[in-house]
Amino acid sequence: MSKTKAHELVGSKPKKKCCRKKTRCMKCPVVIHKLNRLAADGASKKDLKKSLKSVRDNPNRTRAA
């Protein structure tokens, strides 16, 4: 995983467009939005770190052929 901390991503500026890959990048608007929602609900730094992996992973997503 990257050296970027999950709590540092909260409130940061996302990329312009989502890449929509199976594992989303750190600056993806979807990832930033979900982390912002978790932080607004009162998640601690430790909770954000744990949830970053599940936020980025999307096992149901498949690539369109």
PDB file of N, CA and C in Angstrom:
ATOM      1  N   MET A   1       0.842  -1.164   0.000  1.00  0.00           N
ATOM      2  CA  MET A   1       0.000   0.000   0.000  1.00  0.00           C
ATOM      3  C   MET A   1       0.898   1.242   0.000  1.00  0.00           C
ATOM      4  N   SER A   2       0.335   2.329  -0.377  1.00  0.00           N
ATOM      5  CA  SER A   2       1.073   3.569  -0.486  1.00  0.00           C
ATOM      6  C   SER A   2       1.433   4.121   0.887  1.00  0.00           C
ATOM      7  N   LYS A   3       2.344   5.078   0.901  1.00  0.00           N
ATOM      8  CA  LYS A   3       2.742   5.700   2.156  1.00  0.00           C
ATOM      9  C   LYS A   3       1.806   6.834   2.544  1.00  0.00           C
ATOM     10  N   THR A   4       0.817   7.123   1.700  1.00  0.00           N
ATOM     11  CA  THR A   4      -0.150   8.159   2.009  1.00  0.00           C
ATOM     12  C   THR A   4      -1.036   7.704   3.151  1.00  0.00           C
ATOM     13  N   LYS A   5      -1.208   8.555   4.123  1.00  0.00           N
ATOM     14  CA  LYS A   5      -2.036   8.234   5.277  1.00  0.00           C
ATOM     15  C   LYS A   5      -3.499   8.507   4.958  1.00  0.00           C
ATOM     16  N   ALA A   6      -4.380   7.678   5.480  1.00  0.00           N
ATOM     17  CA  ALA A   6      -5.812   7.800   5.200  1.00  0.00           C
ATOM     18  C   ALA A   6      -6.359   9.119   5.737  1.00  0.00           C
ATOM     19  N   HIS A   7      -5.913   9.532   6.915  1.00  0.00           N
ATOM     20  CA  HIS A   7      -6.439  10.765   7.489  1.00  0.00           C
ATOM     21  C   HIS A   7      -5.971  12.002   6.724  1.00  0.00           C
ATOM     22  N   GLU A   8      -4.879  11.882   5.965  1.00  0.00           N
ATOM     23  CA  GLU A   8      -4.415  13.007   5.154  1.00  0.00           C
ATOM     24  C   GLU A   8      -5.263  13.174   3.897  1.00  0.00           C
ATOM     25  N   LEU A   9      -5.930  12.114   3.459  1.00  0.00           N
ATOM     26  CA  LEU A   9      -6.776  12.184   2.278  1.00  0.00           C
ATOM     27  C   LEU A   9      -8.105  12.877   2.557  1.00  0.00           C
ATOM     28  N   VAL A  10      -8.513  12.887   3.815  1.00  0.00           N
ATOM     29  CA  VAL A  10      -9.784  13.528   4.173  1.00  0.00           C
ATOM     30  C   VAL A  10      -9.656  15.023   3.912  1.00  0.00           C
ATOM     31  N   GLY A  11     -10.574  15.541   3.115  1.00  0.00           N
ATOM     32  CA  GLY A  11     -10.575  16.966   2.806  1.00  0.00           C
ATOM     33  C   GLY A  11      -9.641  17.361   1.692  1.00  0.00           C
ATOM     34  N   SER A  12      -8.913  16.404   1.107  1.00  0.00           N
ATOM     35  CA  SER A  12      -8.015  16.754   0.014  1.00  0.00           C
ATOM     36  C   SER A  12      -8.794  16.868  -1.289  1.00  0.00           C
ATOM     37  N   LYS A  13      -8.161  17.451  -2.285  1.00  0.00           N
ATOM     38  CA  LYS A  13      -8.809  17.663  -3.570  1.00  0.00           C
ATOM     39  C   LYS A  13      -8.679  16.401  -4.423  1.00  0.00           C
ATOM     40  N   PRO A  14      -9.802  15.847  -4.897  1.00  0.00           N
ATOM     41  CA  PRO A  14      -9.731  14.626  -5.714  1.00  0.00           C
ATOM     42  C   PRO A  14      -9.335  14.933  -7.147  1.00  0.00           C
ATOM     43  N   LYS A  15      -9.068  13.855  -7.887  1.00  0.00           N
ATOM     44  CA  LYS A  15      -8.808  14.004  -9.315  1.00  0.00           C
ATOM     45  C   LYS A  15     -10.077  14.495  -9.993  1.00  0.00           C
ATOM     46  N   LYS A  16      -9.948  14.917 -11.229  1.00  0.00           N
ATOM     47  CA  LYS A  16     -11.098  15.450 -11.948  1.00  0.00           C
ATOM     48  C   LYS A  16     -12.099  14.361 -12.311  1.00  0.00           C
ATOM     49  N   LYS A  17     -11.588  13.195 -12.707  1.00  0.00           N
ATOM     50  CA  LYS A  17     -12.459  12.122 -13.172  1.00  0.00           C
ATOM     51  C   LYS A  17     -12.028  10.808 -12.542  1.00  0.00           C
ATOM     52  N   CYS A  18     -13.001   9.948 -12.252  1.00  0.00           N
ATOM     53  CA  CYS A  18     -12.718   8.648 -11.656  1.00  0.00           C
ATOM     54  C   CYS A  18     -12.125   7.714 -12.701  1.00  0.00           C
ATOM     55  N   CYS A  19     -11.116   6.958 -12.307  1.00  0.00           N
ATOM     56  CA  CYS A  19     -10.468   6.025 -13.236  1.00  0.00           C
ATOM     57  C   CYS A  19     -11.275   4.741 -13.406  1.00  0.00           C
ATOM     58  N   ARG A  20     -12.122   4.405 -12.434  1.00  0.00           N
ATOM     59  CA  ARG A  20     -13.026   3.252 -12.467  1.00  0.00           C
ATOM     60  C   ARG A  20     -12.308   1.922 -12.648  1.00  0.00           C
ATOM     61  N   LYS A  21     -11.124   1.817 -12.080  1.00  0.00           N
ATOM     62  CA  LYS A  21     -10.405   0.545 -12.100  1.00  0.00           C
ATOM     63  C   LYS A  21     -10.892  -0.320 -10.953  1.00  0.00           C
ATOM     64  N   LYS A  22     -10.469  -1.579 -10.965  1.00  0.00           N
ATOM     65  CA  LYS A  22     -10.913  -2.502  -9.916  1.00  0.00           C
ATOM     66  C   LYS A  22     -10.419  -2.045  -8.541  1.00  0.00           C
ATOM     67  N   THR A  23      -9.159  -1.674  -8.463  1.00  0.00           N
ATOM     68  CA  THR A  23      -8.638  -1.078  -7.234  1.00  0.00           C
ATOM     69  C   THR A  23      -8.484   0.414  -7.495  1.00  0.00           C
ATOM     70  N   ARG A  24      -9.302   1.184  -6.857  1.00  0.00           N
ATOM     71  CA  ARG A  24      -9.301   2.626  -7.109  1.00  0.00           C
ATOM     72  C   ARG A  24      -8.033   3.273  -6.549  1.00  0.00           C
ATOM     73  N   CYS A  25      -7.604   4.344  -7.207  1.00  0.00           N
ATOM     74  CA  CYS A  25      -6.406   5.042  -6.749  1.00  0.00           C
ATOM     75  C   CYS A  25      -6.737   5.892  -5.515  1.00  0.00           C
ATOM     76  N   MET A  26      -5.716   6.422  -4.903  1.00  0.00           N
ATOM     77  CA  MET A  26      -5.891   7.163  -3.656  1.00  0.00           C
ATOM     78  C   MET A  26      -6.605   8.499  -3.853  1.00  0.00           C
ATOM     79  N   LYS A  27      -6.418   9.127  -5.000  1.00  0.00           N
ATOM     80  CA  LYS A  27      -6.997  10.450  -5.244  1.00  0.00           C
ATOM     81  C   LYS A  27      -8.306  10.380  -6.021  1.00  0.00           C
ATOM     82  N   CYS A  28      -8.863   9.189  -6.122  1.00  0.00           N
ATOM     83  CA  CYS A  28     -10.129   8.992  -6.831  1.00  0.00           C
ATOM     84  C   CYS A  28     -11.247   9.746  -6.096  1.00  0.00           C
ATOM     85  N   PRO A  29     -12.152  10.413  -6.818  1.00  0.00           N
ATOM     86  CA  PRO A  29     -13.234  11.147  -6.144  1.00  0.00           C
ATOM     87  C   PRO A  29     -14.122  10.256  -5.279  1.00  0.00           C
ATOM     88  N   VAL A  30     -14.314   9.009  -5.692  1.00  0.00           N
ATOM     89  CA  VAL A  30     -15.153   8.090  -4.923  1.00  0.00           C
ATOM     90  C   VAL A  30     -14.496   7.768  -3.583  1.00  0.00           C
ATOM     91  N   VAL A  31     -13.203   7.524  -3.596  1.00  0.00           N
ATOM     92  CA  VAL A  31     -12.469   7.199  -2.362  1.00  0.00           C
ATOM     93  C   VAL A  31     -12.469   8.399  -1.425  1.00  0.00           C
ATOM     94  N   ILE A  32     -12.189   9.570  -1.953  1.00  0.00           N
ATOM     95  CA  ILE A  32     -12.166  10.790  -1.132  1.00  0.00           C
ATOM     96  C   ILE A  32     -13.547  11.042  -0.517  1.00  0.00           C
ATOM     97  N   HIS A  33     -14.600  10.864  -1.312  1.00  0.00           N
ATOM     98  CA  HIS A  33     -15.962  11.099  -0.821  1.00  0.00           C
ATOM     99  C   HIS A  33     -16.315  10.132   0.308  1.00  0.00           C
ATOM    100  N   LYS A  34     -15.992   8.856   0.134  1.00  0.00           N
ATOM    101  CA  LYS A  34     -16.312   7.869   1.161  1.00  0.00           C
ATOM    102  C   LYS A  34     -15.518   8.110   2.443  1.00  0.00           C
ATOM    103  N   LEU A  35     -14.245   8.497   2.318  1.00  0.00           N
ATOM    104  CA  LEU A  35     -13.449   8.802   3.508  1.00  0.00           C
ATOM    105  C   LEU A  35     -13.969  10.048   4.212  1.00  0.00           C
ATOM    106  N   ASN A  36     -14.423  11.048   3.435  1.00  0.00           N
ATOM    107  CA  ASN A  36     -14.994  12.254   4.037  1.00  0.00           C
ATOM    108  C   ASN A  36     -16.258  11.921   4.815  1.00  0.00           C
ATOM    109  N   ARG A  37     -17.077  11.023   4.285  1.00  0.00           N
ATOM    110  CA  ARG A  37     -18.294  10.611   4.982  1.00  0.00           C
ATOM    111  C   ARG A  37     -17.958   9.886   6.278  1.00  0.00           C
ATOM    112  N   LEU A  38     -16.955   9.007   6.242  1.00  0.00           N
ATOM    113  CA  LEU A  38     -16.545   8.300   7.451  1.00  0.00           C
ATOM    114  C   LEU A  38     -16.015   9.264   8.504  1.00  0.00           C
ATOM    115  N   ALA A  39     -15.221  10.247   8.060  1.00  0.00           N
ATOM    116  CA  ALA A  39     -14.659  11.222   8.993  1.00  0.00           C
ATOM    117  C   ALA A  39     -15.760  12.096   9.593  1.00  0.00           C
ATOM    118  N   ALA A  40     -16.771  12.418   8.800  1.00  0.00           N
ATOM    119  CA  ALA A  40     -17.875  13.230   9.298  1.00  0.00           C
ATOM    120  C   ALA A  40     -18.692  12.467  10.336  1.00  0.00           C
ATOM    121  N   ASP A  41     -18.714  11.148  10.219  1.00  0.00           N
ATOM    122  CA  ASP A  41     -19.431  10.327  11.192  1.00  0.00           C
ATOM    123  C   ASP A  41     -18.623  10.120  12.473  1.00  0.00           C
ATOM    124  N   GLY A  42     -17.400  10.631  12.509  1.00  0.00           N
ATOM    125  CA  GLY A  42     -16.609  10.574  13.734  1.00  0.00           C
ATOM    126  C   GLY A  42     -15.591   9.454  13.768  1.00  0.00           C
ATOM    127  N   ALA A  43     -15.166   8.964  12.622  1.00  0.00           N
ATOM    128  CA  ALA A  43     -14.174   7.889  12.582  1.00  0.00           C
ATOM    129  C   ALA A  43     -12.809   8.435  13.004  1.00  0.00           C
ATOM    130  N   SER A  44     -12.068   7.638  13.769  1.00  0.00           N
ATOM    131  CA  SER A  44     -10.735   8.039  14.206  1.00  0.00           C
ATOM    132  C   SER A  44      -9.715   7.739  13.106  1.00  0.00           C
ATOM    133  N   LYS A  45      -8.466   8.143  13.324  1.00  0.00           N
ATOM    134  CA  LYS A  45      -7.403   7.872  12.355  1.00  0.00           C
ATOM    135  C   LYS A  45      -7.236   6.369  12.144  1.00  0.00           C
ATOM    136  N   LYS A  46      -7.341   5.622  13.216  1.00  0.00           N
ATOM    137  CA  LYS A  46      -7.194   4.175  13.136  1.00  0.00           C
ATOM    138  C   LYS A  46      -8.346   3.557  12.329  1.00  0.00           C
ATOM    139  N   ASP A  47      -9.553   4.052  12.530  1.00  0.00           N
ATOM    140  CA  ASP A  47     -10.702   3.559  11.773  1.00  0.00           C
ATOM    141  C   ASP A  47     -10.572   3.896  10.296  1.00  0.00           C
ATOM    142  N   LEU A  48     -10.079   5.090   9.991  1.00  0.00           N
ATOM    143  CA  LEU A  48      -9.894   5.484   8.595  1.00  0.00           C
ATOM    144  C   LEU A  48      -8.845   4.618   7.912  1.00  0.00           C
ATOM    145  N   LYS A  49      -7.790   4.292   8.644  1.00  0.00           N
ATOM    146  CA  LYS A  49      -6.734   3.446   8.087  1.00  0.00           C
ATOM    147  C   LYS A  49      -7.276   2.063   7.754  1.00  0.00           C
ATOM    148  N   LYS A  50      -8.096   1.519   8.657  1.00  0.00           N
ATOM    149  CA  LYS A  50      -8.675   0.200   8.432  1.00  0.00           C
ATOM    150  C   LYS A  50      -9.650   0.204   7.251  1.00  0.00           C
ATOM    151  N   SER A  51     -10.419   1.253   7.122  1.00  0.00           N
ATOM    152  CA  SER A  51     -11.453   1.288   6.094  1.00  0.00           C
ATOM    153  C   SER A  51     -10.917   1.678   4.719  1.00  0.00           C
ATOM    154  N   LEU A  52      -9.708   2.220   4.636  1.00  0.00           N
ATOM    155  CA  LEU A  52      -9.167   2.637   3.343  1.00  0.00           C
ATOM    156  C   LEU A  52      -9.055   1.461   2.374  1.00  0.00           C
ATOM    157  N   LYS A  53      -8.635   0.322   2.855  1.00  0.00           N
ATOM    158  CA  LYS A  53      -8.492  -0.851   1.990  1.00  0.00           C
ATOM    159  C   LYS A  53      -9.849  -1.278   1.435  1.00  0.00           C
ATOM    160  N   SER A  54     -10.854  -1.316   2.288  1.00  0.00           N
ATOM    161  CA  SER A  54     -12.173  -1.736   1.812  1.00  0.00           C
ATOM    162  C   SER A  54     -12.814  -0.685   0.907  1.00  0.00           C
ATOM    163  N   VAL A  55     -12.496   0.585   1.134  1.00  0.00           N
ATOM    164  CA  VAL A  55     -13.027   1.646   0.274  1.00  0.00           C
ATOM    165  C   VAL A  55     -12.415   1.560  -1.117  1.00  0.00           C
ATOM    166  N   ARG A  56     -11.129   1.267  -1.181  1.00  0.00           N
ATOM    167  CA  ARG A  56     -10.449   1.190  -2.475  1.00  0.00           C
ATOM    168  C   ARG A  56     -10.784  -0.086  -3.231  1.00  0.00           C
ATOM    169  N   ASP A  57     -10.926  -1.200  -2.517  1.00  0.00           N
ATOM    170  CA  ASP A  57     -11.250  -2.469  -3.159  1.00  0.00           C
ATOM    171  C   ASP A  57     -12.720  -2.508  -3.522  1.00  0.00           C
ATOM    172  N   ASN A  58     -12.992  -3.103  -4.655  1.00  0.00           N
ATOM    173  CA  ASN A  58     -14.366  -3.318  -5.068  1.00  0.00           C
ATOM    174  C   ASN A  58     -14.406  -4.651  -5.792  1.00  0.00           C
ATOM    175  N   PRO A  59     -14.562  -5.761  -5.062  1.00  0.00           N
ATOM    176  CA  PRO A  59     -14.460  -7.085  -5.679  1.00  0.00           C
ATOM    177  C   PRO A  59     -15.558  -7.380  -6.686  1.00  0.00           C
ATOM    178  N   ASN A  60     -16.684  -6.687  -6.606  1.00  0.00           N
ATOM    179  CA  ASN A  60     -17.772  -6.931  -7.544  1.00  0.00           C
ATOM    180  C   ASN A  60     -17.558  -6.226  -8.885  1.00  0.00           C
ATOM    181  N   ARG A  61     -16.632  -5.312  -8.944  1.00  0.00           N
ATOM    182  CA  ARG A  61     -16.383  -4.557 -10.182  1.00  0.00           C
ATOM    183  C   ARG A  61     -15.617  -5.447 -11.161  1.00  0.00           C
ATOM    184  N   THR A  62     -16.079  -5.497 -12.365  1.00  0.00           N
ATOM    185  CA  THR A  62     -15.391  -6.210 -13.434  1.00  0.00           C
ATOM    186  C   THR A  62     -15.139  -5.255 -14.573  1.00  0.00           C
ATOM    187  N   ARG A  63     -14.117  -5.531 -15.324  1.00  0.00           N
ATOM    188  CA  ARG A  63     -13.800  -4.660 -16.452  1.00  0.00           C
ATOM    189  C   ARG A  63     -14.749  -4.934 -17.599  1.00  0.00           C
ATOM    190  N   ALA A  64     -15.229  -3.876 -18.225  1.00  0.00           N
ATOM    191  CA  ALA A  64     -16.111  -4.030 -19.384  1.00  0.00           C
ATOM    192  C   ALA A  64     -15.279  -4.423 -20.598  1.00  0.00           C
ATOM    193  N   ALA A  65     -15.740  -5.409 -21.316  1.00  0.00           N
ATOM    194  CA  ALA A  65     -14.996  -5.868 -22.494  1.00  0.00           C
ATOM    195  C   ALA A  65     -15.402  -5.138 -23.738  1.00  0.00           C
TER     196      ALA A  65
END
